[in-house]
Amino acid sequence: MAGLALAPAMLARAQKAPAPAALDAKLLAAFTKSPYVYVCPLLANGAESSCHGEVWFGWLGGAAVVITATTTWKARSLARGLEQARIWVGDHGRWKQMLTRNEGFRAAPSCLAHAERSKDAKLLDELLALYDVKYPKEIANWREKMRAGFADGSRVLIRYVPEAPAKGAGAART
């Protein structure tokens, strides 16, 4: 598979991708090393939505890129015109637990970001090749579902372009 051969080079390129001027070194390092981001779409009034899920991502071209089902709040909020999000970067375990919510991610480096949908198949190829490196044990179960969902429209590719660091390490709800 061509993606596997290209993945190490893509990972190196992704880590050298230009970062928006607002990103500090700690946040940029987190984007290039972390296995997860926690994405929270912002409501029209700037308040956090109730969605804070951890998600696989790739740091590509100065953006956190994810692929998600169109039924998720991340995709539905973007479709409704809610293009702002807050992102925390790190591995703090699952957000949703049986009867509680794990808020540990709030201590992670974070930023505000602009969300934009991408229909770029080449970007998807880069993301999946990066996933081969970042998630080698899990990606085989998801690669074709992600590719097929992108093709049939049941999954959407979203770029989260950082705009500015959030105030404080784990910015509180606004």
Foldseek 3Di string as FASTA:
>chain_A
DVLQVCQVVLLVVLLVADAPPQDDPQRSVLLSPAQWKFKFQADPVRWTDPGGWIFGFGRHNRWTKGKFFCPDPVNVCVVVVRFKIKMFGHPPDGQDDDPHGRLVSLLGWMFMWGKDWDLDVVVLSSTLSNCCVSPVVPSVVPVVVRVVCSVVVRMIMMTTHGDHTAPHNRDDTD
